[in-house]
Protein backbone atom coordinates (compact mmCIF):
# COMPACT_ATOMS: atom_id res chain seq x y z
CA MET A 1 0.00 0.00 0.00
CA VAL A 2 1.08 3.54 -0.73
CA SER A 3 1.77 6.16 1.94
CA THR A 4 2.25 9.93 1.75
CA SER A 5 6.03 9.46 1.77
CA ASP A 6 5.61 7.61 -1.54
CA PHE A 7 3.87 10.54 -3.24
CA ILE A 8 5.96 12.29 -5.89
CA LEU A 9 5.49 16.06 -6.03
CA TYR A 10 6.30 17.68 -9.38
CA THR A 11 6.41 21.42 -9.99
CA TYR A 12 4.15 22.72 -12.74
CA THR A 13 5.50 25.06 -15.45
CA PRO A 14 3.53 27.22 -17.94
CA ASP A 15 4.90 25.37 -20.98
CA MET A 16 2.92 22.34 -19.84
CA THR A 17 -0.27 24.36 -20.31
CA GLN A 18 0.92 25.53 -23.72
CA ALA A 19 1.50 21.92 -24.81
CA GLY A 20 -1.93 20.94 -23.54
CA ILE A 21 -3.64 23.79 -25.40
CA ALA A 22 -1.92 22.87 -28.67
CA TYR A 23 -3.17 19.29 -28.32
CA ALA A 24 -6.67 20.26 -27.19
CA CYS A 25 -7.28 22.61 -30.12
CA LYS A 26 -6.17 20.04 -32.68
CA SER A 27 -8.27 17.32 -31.07
CA LEU A 28 -11.50 19.33 -30.96
CA HIS A 29 -13.05 17.58 -33.94
CA PHE A 30 -12.30 14.07 -32.69
CA THR A 31 -12.71 14.09 -28.92
CA TYR A 32 -15.85 12.73 -27.28
CA ASN A 33 -17.50 14.74 -24.51
CA ARG A 34 -18.10 11.87 -22.12
CA MET A 35 -19.01 14.10 -19.20
CA GLY A 36 -21.61 16.20 -20.99
CA THR A 37 -20.05 19.42 -19.68
CA SER A 38 -19.48 22.71 -21.51
CA PRO A 39 -16.92 22.76 -24.34
CA VAL A 40 -14.62 25.04 -22.32
CA LYS A 41 -14.64 22.70 -19.31
CA ARG A 42 -13.96 19.74 -21.59
CA LEU A 43 -11.02 21.55 -23.18
CA GLN A 44 -9.66 22.51 -19.76
CA ARG A 45 -9.70 18.82 -18.79
CA ILE A 46 -7.83 17.89 -21.97
CA VAL A 47 -5.25 20.63 -21.41
CA ALA A 48 -4.69 19.48 -17.84
CA GLY A 49 -4.49 15.80 -18.80
CA VAL A 50 -1.87 16.43 -21.48
CA ALA A 51 0.10 18.63 -19.07
CA VAL A 52 0.23 15.86 -16.47
CA GLU A 53 1.35 13.33 -19.10
CA LEU A 54 4.13 15.69 -20.16
CA ALA A 55 5.19 16.10 -16.53
CA PHE A 56 5.33 12.31 -16.13
CA ARG A 57 7.57 12.02 -19.19
CA ARG A 58 9.88 14.64 -17.75
CA LEU A 59 9.90 12.89 -14.39
CA LEU A 60 10.97 9.64 -16.04
CA ALA A 61 13.70 11.43 -17.96
CA THR A 62 14.98 13.33 -14.91
CA GLU A 63 15.07 10.19 -12.76
CA GLN A 64 16.62 8.24 -15.65
CA ILE A 65 13.85 5.64 -15.53
CA PRO A 66 14.00 3.30 -18.55
CA HIS A 67 10.87 3.77 -20.65
CA ASP A 68 9.63 3.76 -24.20
CA ASN A 69 7.92 6.65 -25.94
CA LEU A 70 5.42 4.99 -28.24
CA GLY A 71 4.70 8.07 -30.35
CA ALA A 72 2.05 10.72 -30.09
CA THR A 73 -1.44 9.44 -29.38
CA PRO A 74 -3.57 10.06 -32.49
CA PHE A 75 -6.71 12.05 -31.76
CA THR A 76 -8.84 9.33 -33.38
CA ASP A 77 -7.40 6.56 -31.18
CA PRO A 78 -7.79 7.64 -27.54
CA ASP A 79 -6.98 4.19 -26.14
CA ARG A 80 -3.45 4.02 -27.50
CA TYR A 81 -0.92 5.04 -24.90
CA ASP A 82 2.31 6.91 -25.33
CA ILE A 83 4.53 5.61 -22.53
CA ALA A 84 5.60 2.08 -21.63
CA ILE A 85 7.67 1.04 -18.61
CA GLY A 86 9.16 -2.44 -18.72
CA GLY A 87 7.00 -3.21 -21.75
CA ARG A 88 3.83 -2.33 -19.83
CA ARG A 89 1.77 0.51 -21.22
CA CYS A 90 0.87 3.37 -18.87
CA ASP A 91 -2.52 5.08 -18.74
CA ILE A 92 -2.31 8.19 -16.57
CA LYS A 93 -5.51 9.12 -14.76
CA SER A 94 -5.28 12.69 -13.48
CA PHE A 95 -7.77 14.60 -11.33
CA LEU A 96 -8.01 18.36 -10.94
CA LEU A 97 -8.21 20.08 -7.57
CA THR A 98 -9.38 23.60 -8.39
CA HIS A 99 -10.73 25.06 -5.14
CA LYS A 100 -8.29 27.01 -3.02
CA ALA A 101 -9.52 25.43 0.20
CA ARG A 102 -9.06 21.91 -1.19
CA ILE A 103 -5.59 22.76 -2.53
CA SER A 104 -4.60 24.16 0.87
CA GLN A 105 -5.97 21.02 2.52
CA VAL A 106 -3.82 18.60 0.53
CA ARG A 107 -0.77 20.82 0.94
CA HIS A 108 -1.10 20.78 4.73
CA GLN A 109 -2.67 17.33 5.12
CA PRO A 110 -1.47 15.16 2.21
CA ALA A 111 -2.68 12.07 4.08
CA ASP A 112 -6.23 13.07 3.14
CA LEU A 113 -5.40 12.03 -0.43
CA LEU A 114 -4.97 8.44 0.75
CA GLU A 115 -8.74 8.24 1.27
CA ALA A 116 -9.52 9.87 -2.07
CA GLN A 117 -10.88 7.59 -4.76
CA ALA A 118 -8.86 6.34 -7.72
CA LEU A 119 -11.43 6.41 -10.51
CA VAL A 120 -11.62 4.83 -13.96
CA PRO A 121 -14.80 5.47 -15.98
CA LEU A 122 -16.80 2.30 -16.50
CA ASP A 123 -17.21 2.88 -20.23
CA GLN A 124 -13.43 3.01 -20.58
CA ILE A 125 -13.11 -0.26 -18.68
CA LYS A 126 -15.62 -1.95 -20.98
CA ALA A 127 -13.93 -0.66 -24.13
CA ASP A 128 -10.43 -1.36 -22.85
CA ARG A 129 -8.47 -3.84 -24.94
CA GLY A 130 -5.20 -3.48 -23.06
CA ALA A 131 -3.37 -6.28 -21.29
CA ASN A 132 -3.93 -7.00 -17.60
CA GLU A 133 -0.25 -6.22 -17.00
CA ASP A 134 -0.61 -2.65 -18.32
CA MET A 135 -0.84 0.03 -15.67
CA TYR A 136 -3.02 2.81 -14.38
CA ILE A 137 -1.07 5.68 -12.83
CA PHE A 138 -3.06 8.13 -10.69
CA ALA A 139 -2.22 11.78 -10.11
CA PHE A 140 -3.72 15.03 -8.83
CA LEU A 141 -3.12 18.46 -10.33
CA ASN A 142 -3.47 21.48 -8.04
CA THR A 143 -4.58 24.26 -10.35
CA LEU A 144 -6.71 27.37 -10.64
CA LEU A 145 -9.15 27.94 -13.51
CA THR A 146 -11.39 30.78 -14.65
CA PRO A 147 -14.82 29.09 -14.59
CA ASN A 148 -16.84 32.28 -15.09
CA GLN A 149 -16.62 35.83 -16.39
CA GLU A 150 -15.79 37.25 -12.96
CA THR A 151 -12.69 35.08 -12.55
CA LEU A 152 -11.73 35.67 -16.17
CA LYS A 153 -11.87 39.45 -15.60
CA LYS A 154 -9.63 39.08 -12.55
CA ALA A 155 -7.11 37.12 -14.62
CA LEU A 156 -7.19 39.75 -17.38
CA ASP A 157 -6.86 42.63 -14.90
CA ALA A 158 -3.88 40.88 -13.29
CA GLU A 159 -2.33 40.40 -16.75
CA GLN A 160 -2.27 36.64 -16.28
CA PRO A 161 -1.83 34.51 -19.41
CA VAL A 162 -5.11 33.52 -21.04
CA TYR A 163 -6.18 31.48 -24.04
CA LEU A 164 -9.61 32.69 -25.10
CA ILE A 165 -11.65 30.39 -27.28
CA TYR A 166 -15.12 30.13 -28.77
CA THR A 167 -16.26 26.75 -30.04
CA LEU A 168 -18.55 26.63 -33.07
CA PRO A 169 -21.83 24.66 -33.17
CA LYS A 170 -21.90 21.14 -34.58
CA ARG A 171 -23.17 22.23 -38.01
CA TRP A 172 -19.95 24.23 -38.39
CA ALA A 173 -17.55 21.88 -36.62
CA ARG A 174 -18.95 18.57 -37.90
CA PRO A 175 -21.02 19.32 -41.00
CA GLN A 176 -23.01 16.43 -42.44
CA ALA A 177 -21.80 17.19 -45.97
CA TRP A 178 -18.02 17.42 -46.33
CA GLN A 179 -17.85 20.46 -48.58
CA PRO A 180 -16.27 23.92 -48.43
CA LEU A 181 -17.91 26.32 -46.01
CA GLY A 182 -17.38 28.99 -48.65
CA ALA A 183 -15.37 32.19 -48.42
CA LEU A 184 -15.66 32.81 -44.68
CA SER A 185 -15.98 36.49 -43.79
CA LEU A 186 -15.47 38.10 -40.39
CA LYS A 187 -16.46 41.45 -38.93
CA SER A 188 -15.78 43.00 -35.54
CA ASN A 189 -17.86 45.48 -33.59
CA ALA A 190 -15.25 45.74 -30.84
CA SER A 191 -13.85 49.16 -30.00
CA HIS A 192 -10.25 48.09 -30.56
CA ILE A 193 -8.18 45.98 -32.95
CA ILE A 194 -8.66 42.25 -32.38
CA LYS A 195 -6.47 39.35 -33.44
CA ILE A 196 -8.52 36.31 -34.43
CA GLU A 197 -7.41 32.80 -35.32
CA LEU A 198 -9.67 30.32 -37.10
CA ASN A 199 -9.13 26.65 -36.24
CA GLY A 200 -10.69 23.99 -38.44
CA GLN A 201 -10.02 21.35 -41.07
CA ASP A 202 -9.17 21.27 -44.73
CA GLN A 203 -10.49 18.93 -47.43
CA MET A 204 -8.24 16.09 -46.19
CA ARG A 205 -9.55 16.60 -42.62
CA SER A 206 -6.14 17.84 -41.52
CA PRO A 207 -5.99 20.67 -38.94
CA GLN A 208 -5.91 24.11 -40.52
CA LYS A 209 -5.47 27.61 -39.10
CA GLU A 210 -5.71 31.15 -40.39
CA GLN A 211 -5.05 34.38 -38.52
CA PHE A 212 -6.56 37.84 -39.01
CA ILE A 213 -6.30 41.37 -37.72
CA LEU A 214 -9.82 42.77 -37.31
CA ARG A 215 -10.25 46.52 -37.06
CA PRO A 216 -13.49 47.98 -35.71
CA GLY A 217 -16.22 47.77 -38.35
CA GLN A 218 -13.94 46.18 -40.95
CA ARG A 219 -14.89 43.03 -42.84
CA VAL A 220 -12.21 40.53 -43.88
CA THR A 221 -12.42 37.32 -45.91
CA ALA A 222 -10.51 34.10 -45.27
CA ARG A 223 -7.94 33.11 -47.87
CA LYS A 224 -7.96 29.43 -46.95
CA THR A 225 -10.79 27.01 -47.70
CA PHE A 226 -12.29 25.43 -44.57
CA PHE A 227 -14.42 22.29 -44.71
CA ALA A 228 -15.05 22.45 -40.95
CA LEU A 229 -14.55 25.23 -38.42
CA ASN A 230 -14.08 24.14 -34.82
CA SER A 231 -13.16 27.28 -32.93
CA LEU A 232 -12.13 30.91 -32.86
CA HIS A 233 -9.22 32.06 -30.71
CA SER A 234 -8.19 35.54 -29.63
CA PRO A 235 -5.28 36.54 -27.39
CA GLN A 236 -7.28 39.49 -26.04
CA HIS A 237 -10.86 39.92 -24.91
CA ALA A 238 -13.25 41.54 -27.38
CA ASP A 239 -15.61 44.16 -25.92
CA GLY A 240 -17.97 43.84 -28.88
CA GLN A 241 -19.55 41.27 -31.16
CA ILE A 242 -17.53 39.22 -33.63
CA GLY A 243 -19.47 37.86 -36.60
CA ILE A 244 -18.42 35.09 -38.97
CA HIS A 245 -20.44 34.23 -42.10
CA SER A 246 -20.49 31.02 -44.15
CA PRO A 247 -22.01 31.28 -47.64
CA THR A 248 -22.49 27.50 -47.76
CA LEU A 249 -24.35 27.35 -44.45
CA LYS A 250 -26.08 30.64 -45.27
CA GLU A 251 -25.56 31.59 -41.68
CA THR A 252 -23.75 34.21 -39.62
CA GLN A 253 -22.50 33.09 -36.22
CA ILE A 254 -22.40 35.96 -33.72
CA VAL A 255 -19.91 35.74 -30.85
CA GLN A 256 -20.86 37.96 -27.92
CA PRO A 257 -18.22 39.30 -25.49
CA LEU A 258 -19.48 36.91 -22.78
CA ASP A 259 -19.25 33.89 -25.12
CA TRP A 260 -15.45 33.60 -24.89
CA GLY A 261 -14.01 31.03 -22.51
CA ASN A 262 -10.49 30.75 -21.13
CA ILE A 263 -8.86 27.30 -21.32
CA TRP A 264 -5.56 28.33 -19.75
CA VAL A 265 -4.77 26.03 -16.81
CA TYR A 266 -2.93 27.78 -13.96
CA GLY A 267 -1.16 24.73 -12.60
CA MET A 268 0.79 24.76 -9.34
CA GLU A 269 2.00 21.25 -8.65
CA ILE A 270 1.27 17.67 -9.62
CA ILE A 271 1.06 14.86 -7.07
CA PHE A 272 1.77 11.41 -8.50
CA CYS A 273 0.13 9.09 -5.99
CA GLY A 274 0.74 5.52 -7.16
CA TYR A 275 -0.07 2.82 -9.66
CA MET A 276 -1.82 -0.51 -10.11
CA SER A 277 -2.03 -2.97 -12.97
CA ARG A 278 -5.25 -2.89 -14.96
CA GLY A 279 -6.06 -6.50 -14.17
CA GLU A 280 -5.69 -6.03 -10.41
CA PHE A 281 -7.59 -2.76 -10.47
CA ARG A 282 -10.54 -4.34 -12.27
CA GLN A 283 -10.50 -7.20 -9.80
CA LYS A 284 -10.34 -5.10 -6.63
CA ALA A 285 -12.30 -1.96 -7.53
CA GLU A 286 -15.97 -1.45 -6.79
CA THR A 287 -18.58 0.21 -8.98
CA LEU A 288 -19.32 3.81 -8.06
CA PRO A 289 -22.57 5.12 -9.59
CA ALA A 290 -22.84 8.44 -11.39
CA GLY A 291 -23.69 11.31 -9.05
CA SER A 292 -21.49 10.05 -6.22
CA ARG A 293 -19.59 12.55 -4.10
CA VAL A 294 -15.83 11.99 -3.99
CA PHE A 295 -12.84 13.94 -2.72
CA GLN A 296 -12.04 15.54 -6.07
CA TYR A 297 -15.60 16.14 -7.36
CA PRO A 298 -18.88 17.30 -5.80
CA ARG A 299 -20.42 14.51 -7.87
CA THR A 300 -19.23 12.10 -10.53
CA ARG A 301 -20.82 12.48 -13.95
CA THR A 302 -20.37 8.88 -15.10
CA PRO A 303 -20.26 5.46 -13.39
CA ASN A 304 -16.72 4.50 -12.36
CA LEU A 305 -14.71 1.66 -10.94
CA SER A 306 -13.20 2.95 -7.73
CA LEU A 307 -10.81 2.12 -4.91
CA PRO A 308 -8.96 4.26 -2.33
CA MET A 309 -5.62 5.77 -3.30
CA LYS A 310 -4.06 4.05 -0.29
CA ALA A 311 -4.61 0.69 -2.03
CA LEU A 312 -2.20 1.65 -4.83
CA TYR A 313 1.48 0.74 -5.06
CA PRO A 314 4.34 3.26 -4.76
CA LEU A 315 5.75 4.58 -8.03
CA GLY A 316 9.22 4.31 -6.51
CA GLU A 317 8.87 0.52 -6.54
CA LEU A 318 7.84 0.60 -10.19
CA PHE A 319 10.85 2.75 -11.06
CA GLN A 320 13.20 0.34 -9.30
CA GLN A 321 11.64 -2.56 -11.19
CA ALA A 322 12.12 -0.68 -14.47
CA LYS A 323 15.83 -0.27 -13.74
CA ALA A 324 16.09 -3.95 -12.86
CA TRP A 325 14.25 -4.96 -16.06
CA GLN A 326 16.70 -2.95 -18.12
CA LYS A 327 19.66 -4.70 -16.49
């Protein structure tokens, strides 16, 4: 069983958020919103998950733990893992702690994490084709987010980094007919110059971007041909409407100032708690129904298999085994 002395604390750096945002934006068209939450919350989870995976890679490199990088996970194949230790694939399950009181609690009383639940969504378990010897690795990320306009304003006023995004409706992002959206045109009613980036897909379904400078009242037309448009991004907050028109859809999408969401994750530290093989986890864990209250969430949104963190094994033991396997 794991104890608090076995926890591995890893300092968070902003470039982890940047890597997560790059992945999240490219994966918008392919990811499945299992939790049924808002697009911004879903993207924040993706950003955080990628950041924790990057931190784990760096931890392995720093500690000189033998491992294999299996290549970047394709967006269309979410069950293929990127890291293997001793030939055993690793699936990192990370949980966000976003409330200041909860973050302070685990900083001063890390033993409370031992009673927290290690969760794996039941639908993932059922669809899982991995070997019993492959591993789940569980971690917590202490981080702040901007879940509403009030917290976003505070971040902007404090000149904190932000990544503002607006996600397009399904008819724009996943059109039934794969055809050009036409010469997309944009117009801004903001009082100042706005930089806008379009994120979508080309005819071959590859990610495609185009950037613009929008002056107040000016209309601009995209040079590139988009077959799908997933999101708009701006590095600064617009105080007026932004409109984008598709001749094919015969529709103008209006983005109000309050429609922008911030997917920047203000990470502090990552706590790697422990690991367990998939086979043993499935054997020992109990079913936790959707709507259950757990340490990290007011309620779970999906059914999970669950067991206490204290039932896991220390990562230090795994690292020692990896060094022995290499020898």
